[in-house]
Amino acid sequence: MEFKISMGCLADPIEKQVKDQGFEISEEDAKILQRYYDSILLLYVNSILNETETKSAQKKLMPKIVKALRKPKSNKEETK
């Protein structure tokens, strides 16, 4: 299964995007990762990071998001 996060000022929060794709993420991880992403956007919008630097920062954030993903438990696993 391919996993994708839309990044931009109008993108849904990371937690929603993760859940919409059938994965889970802890509330704590979602909060921290969202703060990282919001910080990247803040720096870009205020011309502290240029477009290339922003894309590089986003690229570095993706492995952290993927690492925080959890597959949801199936009904079979819950009954064990």
N, C-alpha and C. Protein backbone atom coordinates (compact mmCIF):
# COMPACT_ATOMS: atom_id res chain seq x y z
N MET A 1 0.85 -1.19 0.00
CA MET A 1 0.00 0.00 0.00
C MET A 1 0.89 1.25 0.00
N GLU A 2 0.57 2.16 -0.87
CA GLU A 2 1.33 3.41 -0.96
C GLU A 2 0.81 4.38 0.09
N PHE A 3 1.74 5.09 0.70
CA PHE A 3 1.37 6.07 1.71
C PHE A 3 1.82 7.44 1.23
N LYS A 4 0.94 8.42 1.34
CA LYS A 4 1.24 9.76 0.85
C LYS A 4 0.68 10.79 1.82
N ILE A 5 1.44 11.84 2.04
CA ILE A 5 0.99 12.97 2.85
C ILE A 5 1.02 14.21 1.96
N SER A 6 -0.10 14.91 1.90
CA SER A 6 -0.15 16.19 1.19
C SER A 6 0.39 17.26 2.12
N MET A 7 1.28 18.06 1.57
CA MET A 7 1.89 19.10 2.40
C MET A 7 1.62 20.46 1.76
N GLY A 8 1.13 21.35 2.56
CA GLY A 8 0.82 22.69 2.10
C GLY A 8 -0.07 23.37 3.11
N CYS A 9 -0.23 24.65 2.95
CA CYS A 9 -1.02 25.44 3.91
C CYS A 9 -2.47 24.97 4.00
N LEU A 10 -2.99 24.43 2.93
CA LEU A 10 -4.40 24.02 2.91
C LEU A 10 -4.59 22.52 3.11
N ALA A 11 -3.50 21.79 3.33
CA ALA A 11 -3.59 20.34 3.51
C ALA A 11 -4.24 20.01 4.85
N ASP A 12 -4.92 18.87 4.88
CA ASP A 12 -5.50 18.39 6.14
C ASP A 12 -4.39 18.09 7.13
N PRO A 13 -4.69 18.10 8.43
CA PRO A 13 -3.69 17.75 9.44
C PRO A 13 -3.13 16.34 9.18
N ILE A 14 -1.90 16.13 9.59
CA ILE A 14 -1.23 14.85 9.39
C ILE A 14 -2.07 13.70 9.96
N GLU A 15 -2.58 13.86 11.16
CA GLU A 15 -3.35 12.79 11.80
C GLU A 15 -4.55 12.38 10.94
N LYS A 16 -5.26 13.34 10.38
CA LYS A 16 -6.42 13.03 9.54
C LYS A 16 -5.99 12.31 8.27
N GLN A 17 -4.91 12.76 7.65
CA GLN A 17 -4.43 12.12 6.43
C GLN A 17 -4.01 10.68 6.70
N VAL A 18 -3.36 10.46 7.83
CA VAL A 18 -2.94 9.11 8.21
C VAL A 18 -4.15 8.21 8.38
N LYS A 19 -5.13 8.68 9.13
CA LYS A 19 -6.33 7.87 9.40
C LYS A 19 -7.15 7.64 8.13
N ASP A 20 -7.20 8.62 7.25
CA ASP A 20 -7.94 8.48 6.00
C ASP A 20 -7.34 7.40 5.10
N GLN A 21 -6.06 7.08 5.33
CA GLN A 21 -5.39 6.06 4.52
C GLN A 21 -5.35 4.70 5.21
N GLY A 22 -6.09 4.59 6.32
CA GLY A 22 -6.23 3.31 6.97
C GLY A 22 -5.15 2.98 7.98
N PHE A 23 -4.37 3.95 8.39
CA PHE A 23 -3.33 3.74 9.39
C PHE A 23 -3.72 4.43 10.68
N GLU A 24 -2.96 4.15 11.72
CA GLU A 24 -3.13 4.82 13.00
C GLU A 24 -1.83 5.51 13.37
N ILE A 25 -1.94 6.49 14.22
CA ILE A 25 -0.79 7.21 14.75
C ILE A 25 -1.17 7.65 16.17
N SER A 26 -0.23 7.59 17.08
CA SER A 26 -0.57 8.00 18.44
C SER A 26 -0.84 9.50 18.47
N GLU A 27 -1.65 9.90 19.42
CA GLU A 27 -1.98 11.32 19.56
C GLU A 27 -0.71 12.14 19.79
N GLU A 28 0.19 11.59 20.60
CA GLU A 28 1.44 12.30 20.91
C GLU A 28 2.31 12.46 19.67
N ASP A 29 2.48 11.38 18.90
CA ASP A 29 3.27 11.48 17.66
C ASP A 29 2.64 12.45 16.68
N ALA A 30 1.32 12.37 16.53
CA ALA A 30 0.63 13.26 15.60
C ALA A 30 0.83 14.72 16.00
N LYS A 31 0.76 15.00 17.28
CA LYS A 31 0.91 16.37 17.77
C LYS A 31 2.32 16.90 17.49
N ILE A 32 3.33 16.09 17.79
CA ILE A 32 4.72 16.50 17.58
C ILE A 32 5.01 16.69 16.10
N LEU A 33 4.61 15.72 15.28
CA LEU A 33 4.88 15.80 13.85
C LEU A 33 4.14 16.97 13.20
N GLN A 34 2.93 17.25 13.67
CA GLN A 34 2.19 18.40 13.15
C GLN A 34 2.89 19.70 13.51
N ARG A 35 3.44 19.77 14.72
CA ARG A 35 4.19 20.98 15.12
C ARG A 35 5.42 21.17 14.25
N TYR A 36 6.12 20.07 13.95
CA TYR A 36 7.29 20.16 13.06
C TYR A 36 6.85 20.71 11.71
N TYR A 37 5.77 20.13 11.18
CA TYR A 37 5.33 20.57 9.86
C TYR A 37 4.84 22.01 9.87
N ASP A 38 4.09 22.38 10.88
CA ASP A 38 3.63 23.76 10.98
C ASP A 38 4.81 24.73 11.08
N SER A 39 5.86 24.30 11.75
CA SER A 39 7.06 25.14 11.87
C SER A 39 7.73 25.33 10.52
N ILE A 40 7.80 24.27 9.73
CA ILE A 40 8.37 24.37 8.38
C ILE A 40 7.57 25.37 7.56
N LEU A 41 6.24 25.25 7.61
CA LEU A 41 5.39 26.18 6.86
C LEU A 41 5.54 27.61 7.33
N LEU A 42 5.63 27.79 8.64
CA LEU A 42 5.80 29.13 9.20
C LEU A 42 7.08 29.79 8.68
N LEU A 43 8.15 29.01 8.67
CA LEU A 43 9.43 29.53 8.18
C LEU A 43 9.37 29.85 6.68
N TYR A 44 8.65 29.03 5.92
CA TYR A 44 8.51 29.29 4.49
C TYR A 44 7.66 30.53 4.22
N VAL A 45 6.53 30.61 4.86
CA VAL A 45 5.61 31.73 4.64
C VAL A 45 6.27 33.07 5.01
N ASN A 46 7.16 33.03 5.97
CA ASN A 46 7.83 34.26 6.40
C ASN A 46 9.20 34.45 5.73
N SER A 47 9.42 33.73 4.63
CA SER A 47 10.61 33.87 3.78
C SER A 47 11.93 33.58 4.51
N ILE A 48 11.88 32.74 5.52
CA ILE A 48 13.09 32.32 6.20
C ILE A 48 13.67 31.11 5.48
N LEU A 49 12.79 30.23 4.99
CA LEU A 49 13.19 29.12 4.13
C LEU A 49 12.71 29.42 2.72
N ASN A 50 13.56 29.11 1.74
CA ASN A 50 13.10 29.24 0.36
C ASN A 50 12.41 27.93 -0.05
N GLU A 51 11.92 27.87 -1.27
CA GLU A 51 11.15 26.70 -1.71
C GLU A 51 11.99 25.42 -1.67
N THR A 52 13.23 25.49 -2.10
CA THR A 52 14.11 24.33 -2.09
C THR A 52 14.37 23.83 -0.67
N GLU A 53 14.63 24.75 0.24
CA GLU A 53 14.86 24.38 1.63
C GLU A 53 13.61 23.78 2.27
N THR A 54 12.46 24.33 1.91
CA THR A 54 11.19 23.82 2.43
C THR A 54 10.95 22.39 1.96
N LYS A 55 11.16 22.15 0.68
CA LYS A 55 10.98 20.79 0.15
C LYS A 55 11.96 19.81 0.79
N SER A 56 13.17 20.26 1.05
CA SER A 56 14.16 19.42 1.71
C SER A 56 13.72 19.08 3.14
N ALA A 57 13.21 20.07 3.85
CA ALA A 57 12.73 19.85 5.23
C ALA A 57 11.53 18.91 5.23
N GLN A 58 10.63 19.07 4.27
CA GLN A 58 9.47 18.18 4.17
C GLN A 58 9.92 16.75 3.89
N LYS A 59 10.91 16.62 3.02
CA LYS A 59 11.45 15.30 2.67
C LYS A 59 12.06 14.63 3.90
N LYS A 60 12.72 15.40 4.75
CA LYS A 60 13.32 14.86 5.97
C LYS A 60 12.26 14.49 7.01
N LEU A 61 11.12 15.15 6.96
CA LEU A 61 10.04 14.87 7.90
C LEU A 61 9.30 13.58 7.56
N MET A 62 9.20 13.23 6.29
CA MET A 62 8.43 12.06 5.87
C MET A 62 8.86 10.76 6.55
N PRO A 63 10.15 10.44 6.65
CA PRO A 63 10.52 9.19 7.35
C PRO A 63 10.07 9.17 8.81
N LYS A 64 10.05 10.32 9.45
CA LYS A 64 9.58 10.39 10.84
C LYS A 64 8.09 10.08 10.91
N ILE A 65 7.34 10.57 9.93
CA ILE A 65 5.90 10.29 9.88
C ILE A 65 5.68 8.80 9.63
N VAL A 66 6.39 8.24 8.66
CA VAL A 66 6.24 6.82 8.33
C VAL A 66 6.61 5.95 9.53
N LYS A 67 7.65 6.32 10.24
CA LYS A 67 8.08 5.56 11.41
C LYS A 67 7.00 5.55 12.50
N ALA A 68 6.23 6.60 12.59
CA ALA A 68 5.18 6.72 13.62
C ALA A 68 3.90 5.97 13.27
N LEU A 69 3.78 5.52 12.03
CA LEU A 69 2.56 4.83 11.58
C LEU A 69 2.40 3.48 12.25
N ARG A 70 1.14 3.13 12.48
CA ARG A 70 0.79 1.80 12.98
C ARG A 70 -0.36 1.28 12.14
N LYS A 71 -0.30 0.02 11.84
CA LYS A 71 -1.44 -0.58 11.13
C LYS A 71 -2.55 -0.80 12.15
N PRO A 72 -3.78 -0.53 11.78
CA PRO A 72 -4.88 -0.77 12.73
C PRO A 72 -5.04 -2.25 13.00
N LYS A 73 -5.48 -2.57 14.21
CA LYS A 73 -5.73 -3.96 14.57
C LYS A 73 -6.95 -4.45 13.81
N SER A 74 -6.85 -5.67 13.32
CA SER A 74 -8.01 -6.26 12.66
C SER A 74 -8.93 -6.84 13.71
N ASN A 75 -10.15 -7.12 13.34
CA ASN A 75 -11.12 -7.71 14.27
C ASN A 75 -10.64 -9.05 14.82
N LYS A 76 -9.93 -9.83 14.00
CA LYS A 76 -9.43 -11.13 14.43
C LYS A 76 -8.41 -10.96 15.55
N GLU A 77 -7.54 -9.95 15.44
CA GLU A 77 -6.52 -9.72 16.44
C GLU A 77 -7.14 -9.24 17.76
N GLU A 78 -8.23 -8.50 17.66
CA GLU A 78 -8.88 -7.96 18.86
C GLU A 78 -9.55 -9.05 19.67
N THR A 79 -9.97 -10.15 19.02
CA THR A 79 -10.67 -11.21 19.74
C THR A 79 -9.72 -12.21 20.38
N LYS A 80 -8.46 -12.14 20.06
CA LYS A 80 -7.47 -13.08 20.63
C LYS A 80 -7.13 -12.73 22.06
